[in-house]
PDB file of N, CA and C in Angstrom:
ATOM      1  N   MET A   1       0.826  -1.187   0.000  1.00  0.00           N
ATOM      2  CA  MET A   1       0.000   0.000   0.000  1.00  0.00           C
ATOM      3  C   MET A   1       0.878   1.261   0.000  1.00  0.00           C
ATOM      4  N   LEU A   2       1.894   1.286   0.843  1.00  0.00           N
ATOM      5  CA  LEU A   2       2.756   2.464   0.908  1.00  0.00           C
ATOM      6  C   LEU A   2       3.633   2.598  -0.337  1.00  0.00           C
ATOM      7  N   GLU A   3       4.014   1.473  -0.901  1.00  0.00           N
ATOM      8  CA  GLU A   3       4.820   1.525  -2.126  1.00  0.00           C
ATOM      9  C   GLU A   3       4.036   2.134  -3.280  1.00  0.00           C
ATOM     10  N   ASP A   4       2.725   2.018  -3.256  1.00  0.00           N
ATOM     11  CA  ASP A   4       1.899   2.616  -4.301  1.00  0.00           C
ATOM     12  C   ASP A   4       1.923   4.142  -4.243  1.00  0.00           C
ATOM     13  N   ILE A   5       1.942   4.702  -3.022  1.00  0.00           N
ATOM     14  CA  ILE A   5       1.930   6.158  -2.907  1.00  0.00           C
ATOM     15  C   ILE A   5       3.324   6.771  -2.922  1.00  0.00           C
ATOM     16  N   LEU A   6       4.329   5.977  -2.568  1.00  0.00           N
ATOM     17  CA  LEU A   6       5.717   6.456  -2.552  1.00  0.00           C
ATOM     18  C   LEU A   6       6.620   5.439  -3.246  1.00  0.00           C
ATOM     19  N   PRO A   7       6.512   5.313  -4.561  1.00  0.00           N
ATOM     20  CA  PRO A   7       7.229   4.257  -5.277  1.00  0.00           C
ATOM     21  C   PRO A   7       8.758   4.384  -5.255  1.00  0.00           C
ATOM     22  N   LEU A   8       9.290   5.549  -4.982  1.00  0.00           N
ATOM     23  CA  LEU A   8      10.742   5.724  -4.989  1.00  0.00           C
ATOM     24  C   LEU A   8      11.392   5.455  -3.636  1.00  0.00           C
ATOM     25  N   VAL A   9      10.596   5.203  -2.620  1.00  0.00           N
ATOM     26  CA  VAL A   9      11.125   4.963  -1.276  1.00  0.00           C
ATOM     27  C   VAL A   9      11.399   3.475  -1.098  1.00  0.00           C
ATOM     28  N   ASN A  10      12.559   3.164  -0.538  1.00  0.00           N
ATOM     29  CA  ASN A  10      12.932   1.782  -0.256  1.00  0.00           C
ATOM     30  C   ASN A  10      12.389   1.400   1.122  1.00  0.00           C
ATOM     31  N   PHE A  11      11.251   0.735   1.160  1.00  0.00           N
ATOM     32  CA  PHE A  11      10.627   0.363   2.422  1.00  0.00           C
ATOM     33  C   PHE A  11      11.312  -0.824   3.096  1.00  0.00           C
ATOM     34  N   ASP A  12      12.303  -1.412   2.451  1.00  0.00           N
ATOM     35  CA  ASP A  12      13.094  -2.476   3.065  1.00  0.00           C
ATOM     36  C   ASP A  12      14.287  -1.915   3.839  1.00  0.00           C
ATOM     37  N   SER A  13      14.477  -0.625   3.774  1.00  0.00           N
ATOM     38  CA  SER A  13      15.612   0.030   4.414  1.00  0.00           C
ATOM     39  C   SER A  13      15.448   0.062   5.931  1.00  0.00           C
ATOM     40  N   ASP A  14      16.573  -0.047   6.639  1.00  0.00           N
ATOM     41  CA  ASP A  14      16.576   0.146   8.082  1.00  0.00           C
ATOM     42  C   ASP A  14      16.814   1.611   8.425  1.00  0.00           C
ATOM     43  N   PHE A  15      16.836   2.465   7.424  1.00  0.00           N
ATOM     44  CA  PHE A  15      17.000   3.906   7.605  1.00  0.00           C
ATOM     45  C   PHE A  15      15.874   4.635   6.885  1.00  0.00           C
ATOM     46  N   LEU A  16      14.657   4.121   7.049  1.00  0.00           N
ATOM     47  CA  LEU A  16      13.497   4.653   6.349  1.00  0.00           C
ATOM     48  C   LEU A  16      13.309   6.137   6.623  1.00  0.00           C
ATOM     49  N   PHE A  17      13.476   6.560   7.865  1.00  0.00           N
ATOM     50  CA  PHE A  17      13.273   7.961   8.242  1.00  0.00           C
ATOM     51  C   PHE A  17      14.160   8.881   7.408  1.00  0.00           C
ATOM     52  N   ALA A  18      15.379   8.452   7.122  1.00  0.00           N
ATOM     53  CA  ALA A  18      16.320   9.271   6.348  1.00  0.00           C
ATOM     54  C   ALA A  18      15.913   9.388   4.879  1.00  0.00           C
ATOM     55  N   GLU A  19      15.106   8.467   4.394  1.00  0.00           N
ATOM     56  CA  GLU A  19      14.694   8.474   2.986  1.00  0.00           C
ATOM     57  C   GLU A  19      13.457   9.330   2.730  1.00  0.00           C
ATOM     58  N   LEU A  20      12.797   9.782   3.795  1.00  0.00           N
ATOM     59  CA  LEU A  20      11.523  10.470   3.652  1.00  0.00           C
ATOM     60  C   LEU A  20      11.658  11.976   3.836  1.00  0.00           C
ATOM     61  N   ASP A  21      10.899  12.719   3.051  1.00  0.00           N
ATOM     62  CA  ASP A  21      10.775  14.146   3.282  1.00  0.00           C
ATOM     63  C   ASP A  21       9.441  14.382   3.995  1.00  0.00           C
ATOM     64  N   SER A  22       9.126  15.632   4.286  1.00  0.00           N
ATOM     65  CA  SER A  22       7.910  15.921   5.054  1.00  0.00           C
ATOM     66  C   SER A  22       6.649  15.482   4.320  1.00  0.00           C
ATOM     67  N   LEU A  23       6.637  15.597   3.004  1.00  0.00           N
ATOM     68  CA  LEU A  23       5.457  15.152   2.252  1.00  0.00           C
ATOM     69  C   LEU A  23       5.296  13.633   2.311  1.00  0.00           C
ATOM     70  N   GLY A  24       6.412  12.923   2.253  1.00  0.00           N
ATOM     71  CA  GLY A  24       6.360  11.469   2.356  1.00  0.00           C
ATOM     72  C   GLY A  24       5.862  11.019   3.714  1.00  0.00           C
ATOM     73  N   ILE A  25       6.331  11.678   4.753  1.00  0.00           N
ATOM     74  CA  ILE A  25       5.889  11.346   6.108  1.00  0.00           C
ATOM     75  C   ILE A  25       4.396  11.625   6.261  1.00  0.00           C
ATOM     76  N   THR A  26       3.958  12.771   5.751  1.00  0.00           N
ATOM     77  CA  THR A  26       2.538  13.123   5.821  1.00  0.00           C
ATOM     78  C   THR A  26       1.693  12.116   5.052  1.00  0.00           C
ATOM     79  N   ALA A  27       2.160  11.704   3.901  1.00  0.00           N
ATOM     80  CA  ALA A  27       1.429  10.716   3.098  1.00  0.00           C
ATOM     81  C   ALA A  27       1.293   9.394   3.842  1.00  0.00           C
ATOM     82  N   ILE A  28       2.350   8.981   4.507  1.00  0.00           N
ATOM     83  CA  ILE A  28       2.317   7.732   5.279  1.00  0.00           C
ATOM     84  C   ILE A  28       1.331   7.860   6.432  1.00  0.00           C
ATOM     85  N   LEU A  29       1.404   8.964   7.174  1.00  0.00           N
ATOM     86  CA  LEU A  29       0.494   9.158   8.302  1.00  0.00           C
ATOM     87  C   LEU A  29      -0.966   9.128   7.850  1.00  0.00           C
ATOM     88  N   MET A  30      -1.264   9.835   6.780  1.00  0.00           N
ATOM     89  CA  MET A  30      -2.640   9.898   6.287  1.00  0.00           C
ATOM     90  C   MET A  30      -3.112   8.538   5.778  1.00  0.00           C
ATOM     91  N   THR A  31      -2.262   7.857   5.032  1.00  0.00           N
ATOM     92  CA  THR A  31      -2.627   6.561   4.468  1.00  0.00           C
ATOM     93  C   THR A  31      -2.878   5.522   5.557  1.00  0.00           C
ATOM     94  N   LEU A  32      -1.969   5.435   6.517  1.00  0.00           N
ATOM     95  CA  LEU A  32      -2.128   4.450   7.590  1.00  0.00           C
ATOM     96  C   LEU A  32      -3.302   4.794   8.493  1.00  0.00           C
ATOM     97  N   SER A  33      -3.498   6.082   8.762  1.00  0.00           N
ATOM     98  CA  SER A  33      -4.632   6.503   9.597  1.00  0.00           C
ATOM     99  C   SER A  33      -5.951   6.083   8.968  1.00  0.00           C
ATOM    100  N   LYS A  34      -6.076   6.346   7.686  1.00  0.00           N
ATOM    101  CA  LYS A  34      -7.315   6.018   6.978  1.00  0.00           C
ATOM    102  C   LYS A  34      -7.501   4.511   6.838  1.00  0.00           C
ATOM    103  N   ALA A  35      -6.450   3.810   6.479  1.00  0.00           N
ATOM    104  CA  ALA A  35      -6.547   2.375   6.224  1.00  0.00           C
ATOM    105  C   ALA A  35      -6.846   1.569   7.484  1.00  0.00           C
ATOM    106  N   TYR A  36      -6.299   2.009   8.621  1.00  0.00           N
ATOM    107  CA  TYR A  36      -6.433   1.206   9.832  1.00  0.00           C
ATOM    108  C   TYR A  36      -7.282   1.872  10.910  1.00  0.00           C
ATOM    109  N   GLY A  37      -7.856   3.029  10.599  1.00  0.00           N
ATOM    110  CA  GLY A  37      -8.761   3.678  11.543  1.00  0.00           C
ATOM    111  C   GLY A  37      -8.105   4.114  12.832  1.00  0.00           C
ATOM    112  N   VAL A  38      -6.875   4.591  12.732  1.00  0.00           N
ATOM    113  CA  VAL A  38      -6.157   5.070  13.910  1.00  0.00           C
ATOM    114  C   VAL A  38      -5.807   6.546  13.714  1.00  0.00           C
ATOM    115  N   ASP A  39      -5.561   7.227  14.820  1.00  0.00           N
ATOM    116  CA  ASP A  39      -5.156   8.626  14.760  1.00  0.00           C
ATOM    117  C   ASP A  39      -3.638   8.707  14.894  1.00  0.00           C
ATOM    118  N   LEU A  40      -2.977   8.970  13.787  1.00  0.00           N
ATOM    119  CA  LEU A  40      -1.533   9.172  13.807  1.00  0.00           C
ATOM    120  C   LEU A  40      -1.280  10.669  13.698  1.00  0.00           C
ATOM    121  N   GLU A  41      -0.426  11.178  14.561  1.00  0.00           N
ATOM    122  CA  GLU A  41      -0.187  12.610  14.638  1.00  0.00           C
ATOM    123  C   GLU A  41       1.292  12.916  14.433  1.00  0.00           C
ATOM    124  N   SER A  42       1.582  14.183  14.334  1.00  0.00           N
ATOM    125  CA  SER A  42       2.974  14.600  14.125  1.00  0.00           C
ATOM    126  C   SER A  42       3.873  14.156  15.275  1.00  0.00           C
ATOM    127  N   THR A  43       3.328  14.015  16.475  1.00  0.00           N
ATOM    128  CA  THR A  43       4.138  13.563  17.608  1.00  0.00           C
ATOM    129  C   THR A  43       4.560  12.097  17.465  1.00  0.00           C
ATOM    130  N   ASP A  44       3.893  11.365  16.577  1.00  0.00           N
ATOM    131  CA  ASP A  44       4.255   9.965  16.323  1.00  0.00           C
ATOM    132  C   ASP A  44       5.433   9.844  15.357  1.00  0.00           C
ATOM    133  N   VAL A  45       5.812  10.959  14.747  1.00  0.00           N
ATOM    134  CA  VAL A  45       6.906  10.943  13.769  1.00  0.00           C
ATOM    135  C   VAL A  45       8.223  11.061  14.523  1.00  0.00           C
ATOM    136  N   THR A  46       8.823   9.915  14.773  1.00  0.00           N
ATOM    137  CA  THR A  46      10.125   9.855  15.430  1.00  0.00           C
ATOM    138  C   THR A  46      11.010   8.890  14.640  1.00  0.00           C
ATOM    139  N   PRO A  47      12.318   9.048  14.757  1.00  0.00           N
ATOM    140  CA  PRO A  47      13.198   8.085  14.084  1.00  0.00           C
ATOM    141  C   PRO A  47      12.925   6.642  14.517  1.00  0.00           C
ATOM    142  N   LYS A  48      12.527   6.445  15.764  1.00  0.00           N
ATOM    143  CA  LYS A  48      12.223   5.095  16.248  1.00  0.00           C
ATOM    144  C   LYS A  48      10.998   4.525  15.532  1.00  0.00           C
ATOM    145  N   ASN A  49       9.934   5.321  15.410  1.00  0.00           N
ATOM    146  CA  ASN A  49       8.701   4.842  14.769  1.00  0.00           C
ATOM    147  C   ASN A  49       8.829   4.701  13.263  1.00  0.00           C
ATOM    148  N   PHE A  50       9.743   5.464  12.670  1.00  0.00           N
ATOM    149  CA  PHE A  50       9.929   5.429  11.218  1.00  0.00           C
ATOM    150  C   PHE A  50      11.272   4.797  10.835  1.00  0.00           C
ATOM    151  N   LYS A  51      11.803   3.938  11.705  1.00  0.00           N
ATOM    152  CA  LYS A  51      13.086   3.297  11.421  1.00  0.00           C
ATOM    153  C   LYS A  51      12.993   2.381  10.204  1.00  0.00           C
ATOM    154  N   ASN A  52      11.935   1.571  10.172  1.00  0.00           N
ATOM    155  CA  ASN A  52      11.729   0.643   9.057  1.00  0.00           C
ATOM    156  C   ASN A  52      10.251   0.280   8.994  1.00  0.00           C
ATOM    157  N   LEU A  53       9.910  -0.574   8.071  1.00  0.00           N
ATOM    158  CA  LEU A  53       8.511  -0.952   7.891  1.00  0.00           C
ATOM    159  C   LEU A  53       7.955  -1.643   9.131  1.00  0.00           C
ATOM    160  N   ASN A  54       8.760  -2.466   9.776  1.00  0.00           N
ATOM    161  CA  ASN A  54       8.303  -3.161  10.985  1.00  0.00           C
ATOM    162  C   ASN A  54       7.963  -2.180  12.103  1.00  0.00           C
ATOM    163  N   SER A  55       8.737  -1.113  12.218  1.00  0.00           N
ATOM    164  CA  SER A  55       8.446  -0.136  13.268  1.00  0.00           C
ATOM    165  C   SER A  55       7.154   0.616  12.970  1.00  0.00           C
ATOM    166  N   LEU A  56       6.844   0.827  11.696  1.00  0.00           N
ATOM    167  CA  LEU A  56       5.558   1.433  11.339  1.00  0.00           C
ATOM    168  C   LEU A  56       4.401   0.501  11.688  1.00  0.00           C
ATOM    169  N   VAL A  57       4.588  -0.783  11.448  1.00  0.00           N
ATOM    170  CA  VAL A  57       3.566  -1.777  11.799  1.00  0.00           C
ATOM    171  C   VAL A  57       3.324  -1.752  13.307  1.00  0.00           C
ATOM    172  N   GLU A  58       4.383  -1.712  14.079  1.00  0.00           N
ATOM    173  CA  GLU A  58       4.262  -1.679  15.538  1.00  0.00           C
ATOM    174  C   GLU A  58       3.567  -0.405  16.003  1.00  0.00           C
ATOM    175  N   LEU A  59       3.844   0.714  15.356  1.00  0.00           N
ATOM    176  CA  LEU A  59       3.187   1.980  15.688  1.00  0.00           C
ATOM    177  C   LEU A  59       1.674   1.854  15.481  1.00  0.00           C
ATOM    178  N   VAL A  60       1.279   1.335  14.340  1.00  0.00           N
ATOM    179  CA  VAL A  60      -0.152   1.173  14.048  1.00  0.00           C
ATOM    180  C   VAL A  60      -0.791   0.210  15.049  1.00  0.00           C
ATOM    181  N   LYS A  61      -0.130  -0.894  15.339  1.00  0.00           N
ATOM    182  CA  LYS A  61      -0.680  -1.849  16.311  1.00  0.00           C
ATOM    183  C   LYS A  61      -0.861  -1.207  17.677  1.00  0.00           C
ATOM    184  N   SER A  62       0.111  -0.419  18.109  1.00  0.00           N
ATOM    185  CA  SER A  62       0.002   0.218  19.420  1.00  0.00           C
ATOM    186  C   SER A  62      -1.153   1.208  19.465  1.00  0.00           C
ATOM    187  N   LYS A  63      -1.374   1.919  18.355  1.00  0.00           N
ATOM    188  CA  LYS A  63      -2.494   2.865  18.276  1.00  0.00           C
ATOM    189  C   LYS A  63      -3.833   2.118  18.266  1.00  0.00           C
ATOM    190  N   GLN A  64      -3.877   0.974  17.608  1.00  0.00           N
ATOM    191  CA  GLN A  64      -5.105   0.174  17.591  1.00  0.00           C
ATOM    192  C   GLN A  64      -5.420  -0.344  18.999  1.00  0.00           C
ATOM    193  N   ASN A  65      -4.393  -0.717  19.735  1.00  0.00           N
ATOM    194  CA  ASN A  65      -4.593  -1.228  21.097  1.00  0.00           C
ATOM    195  C   ASN A  65      -5.025  -0.130  22.053  1.00  0.00           C
ATOM    196  N   GLN A  66      -4.635   1.111  21.779  1.00  0.00           N
ATOM    197  CA  GLN A  66      -5.041   2.234  22.615  1.00  0.00           C
ATOM    198  C   GLN A  66      -6.515   2.569  22.414  1.00  0.00           C
ATOM    199  N   GLY A  67      -6.998   2.344  21.205  1.00  0.00           N
ATOM    200  CA  GLY A  67      -8.374   2.718  20.872  1.00  0.00           C
ATOM    201  C   GLY A  67      -9.284   1.611  21.124  1.00  0.00           C
TER     202      GLY A  67
END
C-alpha cells in the first residue's frame, strides 16, 4: 500500500526515516490513519517509529490497542 503512494522509497531500508521528506511522512500518516482507523499525529513521527517498515507496523498496532 505504501509503495503505491511512494514508489521511490525503499521500504526495506533500516534507515526509512532518512529516505523520507515531510510530504512522504505526511502521506504515510494519512494513508495508515485512513486504512487502519487510527489517529496518527505529528508527535508519532520519530526516528524510532519510522526506522523501518516493521516499526511502522508496531506503531499502528500500538495505536489500535489504545483505541
